[in-house]
């Protein structure tokens, strides 16, 4: 997408927009820092950092785990404890992922073999009847969903979609 539609807006939050090319650049920069962790936990509201973290984790080859930031401190801590060594991104970290002032990094070694069976994301259930349970989504699951539910190149450049779910919900992913 970035190569063929680099100037096209792909994400907007408030008055800030990421183009496909900028998202690609930021995700690659994030991936360099993410690859030294076993997972990336996202504990924040909707933000331009969300797609940067999601694609950055994929490029780094580590699972992306969006957490329900509305949980109580005890529940949220318990979920974070399930992922020792993971990088936890919370509200204080999100602007840094999209900061235009940050310098570029060498991302040439990020190109690797795609593994459809690798874990792409871990989504936790709401935990309304017991402790939240993890739902494992592999790259092939997400790719199959996208390829079977989207009609590519059918949207005009002026078309947009409103995603009105929290980032920890499967529909947000």
N, C-alpha and C. Protein backbone atom coordinates (compact mmCIF):
# COMPACT_ATOMS: atom_id res chain seq x y z
N UNK A 1 0.82 -1.19 0.00
CA UNK A 1 0.00 0.00 0.00
C UNK A 1 0.87 1.25 0.00
N UNK A 2 1.92 1.27 0.81
CA UNK A 2 2.76 2.47 0.90
C UNK A 2 3.46 2.77 -0.42
N UNK A 3 3.85 1.72 -1.14
CA UNK A 3 4.57 1.93 -2.39
C UNK A 3 3.67 2.50 -3.48
N UNK A 4 2.42 2.05 -3.55
CA UNK A 4 1.54 2.48 -4.63
C UNK A 4 0.65 3.65 -4.25
N UNK A 5 0.37 3.83 -2.98
CA UNK A 5 -0.53 4.89 -2.52
C UNK A 5 0.07 5.67 -1.36
N UNK A 6 1.32 6.02 -1.45
CA UNK A 6 2.04 6.62 -0.34
C UNK A 6 1.44 7.89 0.21
N UNK A 7 0.81 8.71 -0.64
CA UNK A 7 0.25 9.98 -0.18
C UNK A 7 -1.19 9.86 0.31
N UNK A 8 -1.77 8.67 0.22
CA UNK A 8 -3.16 8.48 0.61
C UNK A 8 -3.28 8.41 2.14
N UNK A 9 -4.24 9.12 2.69
CA UNK A 9 -4.50 9.07 4.13
C UNK A 9 -5.03 7.69 4.50
N UNK A 10 -4.44 7.09 5.54
CA UNK A 10 -4.89 5.77 5.98
C UNK A 10 -5.41 5.78 7.41
N UNK A 11 -5.08 6.80 8.18
CA UNK A 11 -5.58 6.89 9.56
C UNK A 11 -5.62 8.36 9.97
N UNK A 12 -6.73 8.73 10.58
CA UNK A 12 -6.89 10.09 11.09
C UNK A 12 -7.47 10.01 12.49
N UNK A 13 -6.88 10.74 13.39
CA UNK A 13 -7.40 10.89 14.74
C UNK A 13 -7.34 12.37 15.06
N UNK A 14 -8.51 12.94 15.34
CA UNK A 14 -8.56 14.38 15.60
C UNK A 14 -8.14 15.13 14.35
N UNK A 15 -7.18 16.01 14.48
CA UNK A 15 -6.73 16.80 13.33
C UNK A 15 -5.41 16.29 12.75
N UNK A 16 -4.99 15.09 13.16
CA UNK A 16 -3.74 14.50 12.65
C UNK A 16 -4.04 13.31 11.76
N UNK A 17 -3.30 13.21 10.66
CA UNK A 17 -3.50 12.14 9.69
C UNK A 17 -2.17 11.49 9.36
N UNK A 18 -2.21 10.18 9.18
CA UNK A 18 -1.05 9.44 8.69
C UNK A 18 -1.32 9.01 7.26
N UNK A 19 -0.36 9.24 6.39
CA UNK A 19 -0.44 8.70 5.04
C UNK A 19 0.11 7.28 5.07
N UNK A 20 -0.12 6.55 4.00
CA UNK A 20 0.40 5.18 3.92
C UNK A 20 1.92 5.17 4.05
N UNK A 21 2.58 6.10 3.37
CA UNK A 21 4.04 6.16 3.43
C UNK A 21 4.54 6.49 4.83
N UNK A 22 3.89 7.43 5.50
CA UNK A 22 4.31 7.82 6.84
C UNK A 22 4.06 6.68 7.84
N UNK A 23 2.94 6.00 7.70
CA UNK A 23 2.66 4.85 8.57
C UNK A 23 3.73 3.78 8.37
N UNK A 24 4.10 3.53 7.14
CA UNK A 24 5.14 2.55 6.86
C UNK A 24 6.46 2.95 7.52
N UNK A 25 6.85 4.21 7.38
CA UNK A 25 8.09 4.70 7.98
C UNK A 25 8.06 4.58 9.50
N UNK A 26 6.96 5.01 10.11
CA UNK A 26 6.86 4.96 11.57
C UNK A 26 6.80 3.54 12.10
N UNK A 27 6.09 2.66 11.39
CA UNK A 27 6.00 1.25 11.82
C UNK A 27 7.36 0.58 11.74
N UNK A 28 8.12 0.87 10.70
CA UNK A 28 9.46 0.29 10.58
C UNK A 28 10.37 0.80 11.68
N UNK A 29 10.27 2.09 11.98
CA UNK A 29 11.09 2.66 13.06
C UNK A 29 10.71 2.02 14.40
N UNK A 30 9.41 1.84 14.64
CA UNK A 30 8.95 1.22 15.89
C UNK A 30 9.43 -0.23 15.97
N UNK A 31 9.39 -0.94 14.84
CA UNK A 31 9.76 -2.36 14.83
C UNK A 31 11.19 -2.58 15.31
N UNK A 32 12.08 -1.65 15.01
CA UNK A 32 13.47 -1.78 15.44
C UNK A 32 13.53 -1.86 16.97
N UNK A 33 12.75 -1.06 17.65
CA UNK A 33 12.72 -1.11 19.11
C UNK A 33 11.89 -2.25 19.67
N UNK A 34 10.88 -2.68 18.92
CA UNK A 34 9.98 -3.74 19.39
C UNK A 34 10.63 -5.12 19.35
N UNK A 35 11.53 -5.35 18.42
CA UNK A 35 12.02 -6.71 18.18
C UNK A 35 12.83 -7.27 19.34
N UNK A 36 13.20 -6.44 20.30
CA UNK A 36 13.93 -6.93 21.47
C UNK A 36 13.00 -7.33 22.61
N UNK A 37 11.70 -7.38 22.35
CA UNK A 37 10.71 -7.74 23.36
C UNK A 37 9.88 -8.92 22.86
N UNK A 38 9.36 -9.73 23.77
CA UNK A 38 8.56 -10.89 23.33
C UNK A 38 7.15 -10.51 22.85
N UNK A 39 6.69 -9.30 23.16
CA UNK A 39 5.37 -8.84 22.73
C UNK A 39 5.30 -7.33 22.93
N UNK A 40 4.30 -6.72 22.27
CA UNK A 40 4.03 -5.30 22.45
C UNK A 40 2.61 -5.18 22.99
N UNK A 41 2.49 -4.63 24.21
CA UNK A 41 1.19 -4.42 24.84
C UNK A 41 0.78 -2.97 24.66
N UNK A 42 -0.43 -2.77 24.14
CA UNK A 42 -0.95 -1.42 23.88
C UNK A 42 -2.04 -1.15 24.89
N UNK A 43 -1.81 -0.21 25.78
CA UNK A 43 -2.78 0.11 26.83
C UNK A 43 -3.12 1.59 26.75
N UNK A 44 -3.90 1.94 25.75
CA UNK A 44 -4.27 3.32 25.56
C UNK A 44 -5.52 3.45 24.73
N UNK A 45 -6.02 4.65 24.63
CA UNK A 45 -7.22 4.93 23.85
C UNK A 45 -6.86 4.99 22.36
N UNK A 46 -7.86 5.28 21.53
CA UNK A 46 -7.62 5.43 20.10
C UNK A 46 -6.62 6.55 19.87
N UNK A 47 -5.62 6.28 19.04
CA UNK A 47 -4.52 7.20 18.83
C UNK A 47 -3.85 6.80 17.52
N UNK A 48 -3.18 7.72 16.87
CA UNK A 48 -2.44 7.36 15.66
C UNK A 48 -1.35 6.34 15.95
N UNK A 49 -0.94 6.23 17.19
CA UNK A 49 0.08 5.25 17.56
C UNK A 49 -0.44 3.82 17.44
N UNK A 50 -1.76 3.63 17.45
CA UNK A 50 -2.31 2.27 17.37
C UNK A 50 -1.88 1.54 16.09
N UNK A 51 -2.14 2.09 14.89
CA UNK A 51 -1.68 1.37 13.69
C UNK A 51 -0.16 1.29 13.60
N UNK A 52 0.54 2.29 14.13
CA UNK A 52 2.00 2.24 14.14
C UNK A 52 2.46 1.05 14.99
N UNK A 53 1.89 0.89 16.17
CA UNK A 53 2.25 -0.21 17.06
C UNK A 53 1.85 -1.56 16.47
N UNK A 54 0.66 -1.63 15.88
CA UNK A 54 0.17 -2.88 15.28
C UNK A 54 1.10 -3.35 14.16
N UNK A 55 1.37 -2.48 13.20
CA UNK A 55 2.23 -2.86 12.08
C UNK A 55 3.69 -2.96 12.49
N UNK A 56 4.11 -2.16 13.45
CA UNK A 56 5.47 -2.27 13.97
C UNK A 56 5.71 -3.62 14.62
N UNK A 57 4.75 -4.10 15.39
CA UNK A 57 4.88 -5.41 16.02
C UNK A 57 4.93 -6.51 14.95
N UNK A 58 4.10 -6.39 13.93
CA UNK A 58 4.11 -7.38 12.85
C UNK A 58 5.47 -7.41 12.15
N UNK A 59 6.01 -6.24 11.86
CA UNK A 59 7.33 -6.17 11.22
C UNK A 59 8.43 -6.71 12.11
N UNK A 60 8.28 -6.54 13.42
CA UNK A 60 9.27 -7.03 14.37
C UNK A 60 9.12 -8.52 14.63
N UNK A 61 7.99 -9.10 14.22
CA UNK A 61 7.76 -10.52 14.43
C UNK A 61 7.36 -10.87 15.84
N UNK A 62 6.69 -9.91 16.52
CA UNK A 62 6.24 -10.16 17.89
C UNK A 62 4.73 -9.93 17.98
N UNK A 63 4.04 -10.60 18.88
CA UNK A 63 2.60 -10.42 19.01
C UNK A 63 2.23 -9.01 19.49
N UNK A 64 1.13 -8.52 18.98
CA UNK A 64 0.54 -7.24 19.40
C UNK A 64 -0.61 -7.58 20.33
N UNK A 65 -0.63 -6.95 21.52
CA UNK A 65 -1.64 -7.26 22.53
C UNK A 65 -2.32 -5.97 22.99
N UNK A 66 -3.47 -5.63 22.40
CA UNK A 66 -4.19 -4.44 22.88
C UNK A 66 -4.93 -4.78 24.17
N UNK A 67 -4.70 -3.98 25.21
CA UNK A 67 -5.32 -4.23 26.51
C UNK A 67 -6.45 -3.24 26.77
N UNK A 68 -7.42 -3.71 27.53
CA UNK A 68 -8.54 -2.85 27.92
C UNK A 68 -8.07 -1.90 29.01
N UNK A 69 -7.75 -0.69 28.61
CA UNK A 69 -7.23 0.30 29.55
C UNK A 69 -8.29 0.72 30.57
N UNK A 70 -9.53 0.33 30.38
CA UNK A 70 -10.61 0.69 31.31
C UNK A 70 -10.73 -0.29 32.48
N UNK A 71 -9.96 -1.37 32.43
CA UNK A 71 -9.99 -2.33 33.52
C UNK A 71 -9.44 -1.69 34.80
N UNK A 72 -9.78 -2.29 35.91
CA UNK A 72 -9.21 -1.85 37.18
C UNK A 72 -7.72 -2.14 37.21
N UNK A 73 -7.01 -1.44 38.06
CA UNK A 73 -5.55 -1.59 38.13
C UNK A 73 -5.13 -3.03 38.40
N UNK A 74 -5.86 -3.73 39.25
CA UNK A 74 -5.51 -5.11 39.58
C UNK A 74 -5.66 -6.01 38.36
N UNK A 75 -6.76 -5.88 37.61
CA UNK A 75 -6.95 -6.70 36.41
C UNK A 75 -5.93 -6.35 35.32
N UNK A 76 -5.67 -5.07 35.14
CA UNK A 76 -4.72 -4.65 34.12
C UNK A 76 -3.31 -5.14 34.45
N UNK A 77 -2.93 -5.05 35.71
CA UNK A 77 -1.62 -5.55 36.14
C UNK A 77 -1.53 -7.06 35.92
N UNK A 78 -2.60 -7.79 36.21
CA UNK A 78 -2.59 -9.24 36.02
C UNK A 78 -2.39 -9.60 34.54
N UNK A 79 -3.01 -8.84 33.62
CA UNK A 79 -2.83 -9.10 32.19
C UNK A 79 -1.40 -8.78 31.77
N UNK A 80 -0.87 -7.68 32.25
CA UNK A 80 0.51 -7.32 31.91
C UNK A 80 1.49 -8.37 32.44
N UNK A 81 1.21 -8.92 33.61
CA UNK A 81 2.08 -9.94 34.21
C UNK A 81 2.10 -11.23 33.40
N UNK A 82 1.09 -11.46 32.56
CA UNK A 82 1.06 -12.66 31.70
C UNK A 82 2.09 -12.57 30.58
N UNK A 83 2.69 -11.39 30.41
CA UNK A 83 3.63 -11.17 29.31
C UNK A 83 4.94 -10.59 29.85
N UNK A 84 5.71 -11.40 30.60
CA UNK A 84 6.96 -10.88 31.16
C UNK A 84 7.92 -10.44 30.05
N UNK A 85 8.54 -9.29 30.26
CA UNK A 85 9.49 -8.76 29.30
C UNK A 85 8.87 -8.00 28.14
N UNK A 86 7.54 -7.98 28.07
CA UNK A 86 6.87 -7.28 26.97
C UNK A 86 7.03 -5.78 27.12
N UNK A 87 7.02 -5.10 25.98
CA UNK A 87 7.04 -3.64 25.97
C UNK A 87 5.60 -3.18 26.18
N UNK A 88 5.38 -2.36 27.21
CA UNK A 88 4.04 -1.85 27.49
C UNK A 88 3.96 -0.41 27.03
N UNK A 89 3.07 -0.15 26.08
CA UNK A 89 2.83 1.20 25.60
C UNK A 89 1.56 1.71 26.26
N UNK A 90 1.70 2.78 27.06
CA UNK A 90 0.50 3.37 27.65
C UNK A 90 0.38 4.81 27.16
N UNK A 91 -0.58 5.53 27.69
CA UNK A 91 -0.86 6.89 27.21
C UNK A 91 0.37 7.77 27.14
N UNK A 92 1.29 7.61 28.06
CA UNK A 92 2.48 8.47 28.10
C UNK A 92 3.44 8.17 26.95
N UNK A 93 3.34 6.98 26.35
CA UNK A 93 4.28 6.57 25.30
C UNK A 93 3.76 6.81 23.88
N UNK A 94 2.47 7.05 23.72
CA UNK A 94 1.87 7.02 22.40
C UNK A 94 2.36 8.13 21.47
N UNK A 95 2.50 9.33 21.98
CA UNK A 95 2.95 10.43 21.12
C UNK A 95 4.35 10.18 20.56
N UNK A 96 5.19 9.49 21.32
CA UNK A 96 6.56 9.23 20.87
C UNK A 96 6.58 8.35 19.62
N UNK A 97 5.58 7.48 19.46
CA UNK A 97 5.55 6.61 18.28
C UNK A 97 5.23 7.38 17.00
N UNK A 98 4.59 8.52 17.13
CA UNK A 98 4.20 9.30 15.95
C UNK A 98 4.91 10.64 15.87
N UNK A 99 5.94 10.81 16.67
CA UNK A 99 6.66 12.09 16.72
C UNK A 99 7.48 12.28 15.45
N UNK A 100 7.16 13.31 14.70
CA UNK A 100 7.88 13.60 13.47
C UNK A 100 9.31 14.09 13.72
N UNK A 101 9.61 14.52 14.93
CA UNK A 101 10.93 15.05 15.23
C UNK A 101 11.96 13.95 15.47
N UNK A 102 11.49 12.72 15.69
CA UNK A 102 12.42 11.63 15.93
C UNK A 102 13.19 11.30 14.66
N UNK A 103 14.42 10.96 14.80
CA UNK A 103 15.26 10.64 13.65
C UNK A 103 14.93 9.30 13.04
N UNK A 104 15.46 9.10 11.86
CA UNK A 104 15.27 7.83 11.16
C UNK A 104 16.25 6.80 11.71
N UNK A 105 15.89 5.53 11.59
CA UNK A 105 16.76 4.45 12.02
C UNK A 105 16.94 3.48 10.86
N UNK A 106 17.97 2.67 10.94
CA UNK A 106 18.23 1.68 9.90
C UNK A 106 17.25 0.53 10.05
N UNK A 107 16.39 0.36 9.06
CA UNK A 107 15.39 -0.70 9.10
C UNK A 107 15.65 -1.75 8.04
N UNK A 108 16.82 -1.75 7.44
CA UNK A 108 17.11 -2.66 6.33
C UNK A 108 17.07 -4.12 6.72
N UNK A 109 17.30 -4.43 8.00
CA UNK A 109 17.31 -5.84 8.41
C UNK A 109 15.96 -6.32 8.89
N UNK A 110 14.90 -5.56 8.66
CA UNK A 110 13.57 -5.98 9.07
C UNK A 110 12.93 -6.94 8.07
N UNK A 111 13.44 -6.97 6.86
CA UNK A 111 12.86 -7.83 5.84
C UNK A 111 13.16 -9.28 6.18
N UNK A 112 12.13 -10.07 6.32
CA UNK A 112 12.33 -11.47 6.67
C UNK A 112 11.27 -12.32 5.99
N UNK A 113 11.25 -13.57 6.35
CA UNK A 113 10.27 -14.49 5.80
C UNK A 113 8.96 -14.34 6.55
N UNK A 114 7.87 -14.27 5.80
CA UNK A 114 6.55 -14.17 6.41
C UNK A 114 6.13 -15.53 6.91
N UNK A 115 5.67 -15.60 8.13
CA UNK A 115 5.21 -16.85 8.73
C UNK A 115 3.74 -16.70 9.09
N UNK A 116 2.88 -17.29 8.28
CA UNK A 116 1.45 -17.19 8.51
C UNK A 116 0.98 -17.82 9.80
N UNK A 117 1.77 -18.74 10.35
CA UNK A 117 1.39 -19.39 11.60
C UNK A 117 1.90 -18.65 12.83
N UNK A 118 2.70 -17.61 12.65
CA UNK A 118 3.19 -16.84 13.79
C UNK A 118 2.03 -16.07 14.42
N UNK A 119 2.10 -15.85 15.71
CA UNK A 119 1.05 -15.11 16.42
C UNK A 119 1.15 -13.63 16.05
N UNK A 120 0.06 -13.10 15.51
CA UNK A 120 0.00 -11.69 15.13
C UNK A 120 -0.53 -10.85 16.29
N UNK A 121 -1.56 -11.37 16.95
CA UNK A 121 -2.20 -10.59 18.01
C UNK A 121 -2.81 -11.52 19.05
N UNK A 122 -2.90 -11.01 20.25
CA UNK A 122 -3.60 -11.70 21.33
C UNK A 122 -4.64 -10.73 21.85
N UNK A 123 -5.90 -11.12 21.72
CA UNK A 123 -7.02 -10.30 22.18
C UNK A 123 -7.60 -10.97 23.42
N UNK A 124 -7.79 -10.22 24.47
CA UNK A 124 -8.35 -10.79 25.69
C UNK A 124 -9.86 -10.57 25.75
N UNK A 125 -10.56 -11.62 26.22
CA UNK A 125 -12.01 -11.51 26.41
C UNK A 125 -12.29 -10.48 27.50
N UNK A 126 -13.53 -10.11 27.63
CA UNK A 126 -13.89 -9.04 28.57
C UNK A 126 -13.72 -9.44 30.02
N UNK A 127 -13.78 -10.71 30.33
CA UNK A 127 -13.61 -11.14 31.71
C UNK A 127 -14.84 -10.90 32.57
N UNK A 128 -16.02 -10.85 31.94
CA UNK A 128 -17.23 -10.57 32.71
C UNK A 128 -17.66 -11.74 33.59
N UNK A 129 -17.34 -12.97 33.19
CA UNK A 129 -17.74 -14.12 34.00
C UNK A 129 -16.57 -14.78 34.72
N UNK A 130 -15.36 -14.45 34.35
CA UNK A 130 -14.16 -14.95 35.01
C UNK A 130 -12.99 -14.11 34.53
N UNK A 131 -11.78 -14.56 34.79
CA UNK A 131 -10.61 -13.82 34.32
C UNK A 131 -10.62 -13.74 32.80
N UNK A 132 -10.14 -12.63 32.23
CA UNK A 132 -10.06 -12.53 30.77
C UNK A 132 -9.22 -13.67 30.19
N UNK A 133 -9.70 -14.21 29.07
CA UNK A 133 -9.00 -15.31 28.41
C UNK A 133 -8.40 -14.81 27.09
N UNK A 134 -7.22 -15.31 26.73
CA UNK A 134 -6.59 -14.86 25.49
C UNK A 134 -7.17 -15.57 24.26
N UNK A 135 -7.42 -14.81 23.21
CA UNK A 135 -7.77 -15.35 21.90
C UNK A 135 -6.57 -15.10 21.00
N UNK A 136 -6.01 -16.17 20.48
CA UNK A 136 -4.79 -16.08 19.66
C UNK A 136 -5.19 -15.89 18.19
N UNK A 137 -4.66 -14.85 17.58
CA UNK A 137 -4.89 -14.60 16.16
C UNK A 137 -3.55 -14.68 15.44
N UNK A 138 -3.47 -15.57 14.49
CA UNK A 138 -2.25 -15.73 13.71
C UNK A 138 -2.32 -14.85 12.46
N UNK A 139 -1.19 -14.59 11.85
CA UNK A 139 -1.16 -13.73 10.67
C UNK A 139 -2.07 -14.28 9.57
N UNK A 140 -2.13 -15.60 9.41
CA UNK A 140 -2.97 -16.17 8.37
C UNK A 140 -4.45 -15.94 8.67
N UNK A 141 -4.83 -15.89 9.94
CA UNK A 141 -6.22 -15.61 10.30
C UNK A 141 -6.60 -14.19 9.89
N UNK A 142 -5.73 -13.24 10.22
CA UNK A 142 -6.03 -11.85 9.87
C UNK A 142 -6.02 -11.63 8.37
N UNK A 143 -5.07 -12.24 7.68
CA UNK A 143 -5.01 -12.11 6.23
C UNK A 143 -6.25 -12.71 5.58
N UNK A 144 -6.69 -13.87 6.03
CA UNK A 144 -7.89 -14.50 5.48
C UNK A 144 -9.11 -13.61 5.71
N UNK A 145 -9.21 -13.02 6.89
CA UNK A 145 -10.33 -12.13 7.17
C UNK A 145 -10.34 -10.94 6.21
N UNK A 146 -9.20 -10.30 6.06
CA UNK A 146 -9.11 -9.13 5.18
C UNK A 146 -9.41 -9.50 3.73
N UNK A 147 -8.81 -10.57 3.25
CA UNK A 147 -8.99 -10.96 1.86
C UNK A 147 -10.42 -11.42 1.55
N UNK A 148 -11.11 -11.94 2.55
CA UNK A 148 -12.46 -12.44 2.33
C UNK A 148 -13.57 -11.45 2.65
N UNK A 149 -13.22 -10.31 3.23
CA UNK A 149 -14.26 -9.34 3.59
C UNK A 149 -14.09 -7.98 2.95
N UNK A 150 -12.98 -7.75 2.29
CA UNK A 150 -12.71 -6.44 1.70
C UNK A 150 -12.71 -6.53 0.18
N UNK A 151 -13.19 -5.48 -0.46
CA UNK A 151 -13.09 -5.37 -1.91
C UNK A 151 -12.02 -4.32 -2.18
N UNK A 152 -10.85 -4.78 -2.56
CA UNK A 152 -9.72 -3.89 -2.72
C UNK A 152 -9.90 -2.96 -3.91
N UNK A 153 -9.41 -1.77 -3.75
CA UNK A 153 -9.44 -0.72 -4.78
C UNK A 153 -10.85 -0.28 -5.11
N UNK A 154 -11.82 -0.58 -4.24
CA UNK A 154 -13.19 -0.17 -4.51
C UNK A 154 -13.51 1.20 -3.92
N UNK A 155 -12.68 1.70 -3.05
CA UNK A 155 -12.94 2.99 -2.40
C UNK A 155 -12.28 4.12 -3.17
N UNK A 156 -13.01 5.20 -3.28
CA UNK A 156 -12.44 6.40 -3.90
C UNK A 156 -11.49 7.06 -2.90
N UNK A 157 -10.62 7.90 -3.39
CA UNK A 157 -9.66 8.57 -2.51
C UNK A 157 -10.34 9.42 -1.45
N UNK A 158 -11.57 9.83 -1.68
CA UNK A 158 -12.28 10.66 -0.72
C UNK A 158 -13.13 9.85 0.24
N UNK A 159 -13.22 8.53 0.06
CA UNK A 159 -14.00 7.68 0.95
C UNK A 159 -13.26 7.46 2.26
N UNK A 160 -14.02 7.23 3.31
CA UNK A 160 -13.44 6.98 4.63
C UNK A 160 -14.35 6.06 5.41
N UNK A 161 -13.82 5.44 6.43
CA UNK A 161 -14.59 4.61 7.34
C UNK A 161 -14.38 5.13 8.75
N UNK A 162 -15.45 5.10 9.53
CA UNK A 162 -15.36 5.50 10.93
C UNK A 162 -15.31 4.24 11.78
N UNK A 163 -14.26 4.09 12.56
CA UNK A 163 -14.13 2.95 13.46
C UNK A 163 -14.43 3.49 14.85
N UNK A 164 -15.55 3.06 15.40
CA UNK A 164 -15.99 3.62 16.68
C UNK A 164 -15.99 2.57 17.79
N UNK A 165 -14.94 1.80 17.83
CA UNK A 165 -14.77 0.81 18.88
C UNK A 165 -13.44 1.06 19.59
N UNK A 166 -13.32 0.59 20.81
CA UNK A 166 -12.04 0.80 21.50
C UNK A 166 -10.95 -0.07 20.87
N UNK A 167 -9.69 0.34 21.02
CA UNK A 167 -8.58 -0.37 20.37
C UNK A 167 -8.39 -1.81 20.83
N UNK A 168 -8.92 -2.19 21.98
CA UNK A 168 -8.75 -3.55 22.47
C UNK A 168 -9.84 -4.49 21.97
N UNK A 169 -10.78 -4.01 21.18
CA UNK A 169 -11.88 -4.81 20.63
C UNK A 169 -11.44 -5.41 19.30
N UNK A 170 -11.90 -6.62 19.01
CA UNK A 170 -11.51 -7.28 17.77
C UNK A 170 -11.88 -6.47 16.55
N UNK A 171 -12.97 -5.75 16.58
CA UNK A 171 -13.37 -4.92 15.43
C UNK A 171 -12.39 -3.78 15.22
N UNK A 172 -11.73 -3.32 16.25
CA UNK A 172 -10.73 -2.28 16.11
C UNK A 172 -9.44 -2.79 15.49
N UNK A 173 -9.18 -4.08 15.69
CA UNK A 173 -7.98 -4.67 15.13
C UNK A 173 -8.15 -4.88 13.65
